[in-house]
Amino acid sequence: MLILSMTFKCGGVDMSFEFLEADRIKGEEIDLLIDNYMPGDLEKGWVPAYRYHIVIAGTNQIIGKIDLRIGEQESLYYGGHIGYSVDEEYRGHRYAGKACRLLKPIALKHGKNRLYITCNPTNLASRKTIERVGGKFIETVDLPPYNDMYQRGEREISIFEWILD
């Protein structure tokens, strides 16, 4: 994989981050098709991230999305290193879990051997997805009022840790 270098802000200073150029990650049933390499802005609590469309394998038919956030910030404990959604008509096929597994090699190449994945405590489907990929429940916590999810109306989050073997 080639490297794509981008800059992001940290304390008002431009920092560089080297993305792995992974425009399409192929799986058996689904592929991940890059939507954006997103530079971070640590002043806002954002780390560099890969944003992918989840597509039916071998096509460009979008059925969902998934992000992989690289870094260590307090906001990632609440928001997770991985965030995903699958369009309603494609749910029930375990595509979110398959997409998480497709991101694992990128996370490992960035030196990540542990990722947080979080979900709303009432979202049982997401909880099952996280547990199927190997995420272990840590705790359910109240979101701090300064967190962007709190500001959007969320109040609690369940936090899981996925150890990448």
Foldseek 3Di string as FASTA:
>chain_A
DDWDKDWEADPNDTDIDIADPPQWQADDFWIWGWPDFAPAYVVLPAHTKTKTFIAGGPDPHGFWIKMAGDDDDPLCQFAKRMDIDGHPVPPPPLSVLVVVVSCLVRCVVSVDQKIKHKDQPVPVSVVVSCVVNPWDWDAKDFDDCVHVVVVVPGTIMTITMHGHD
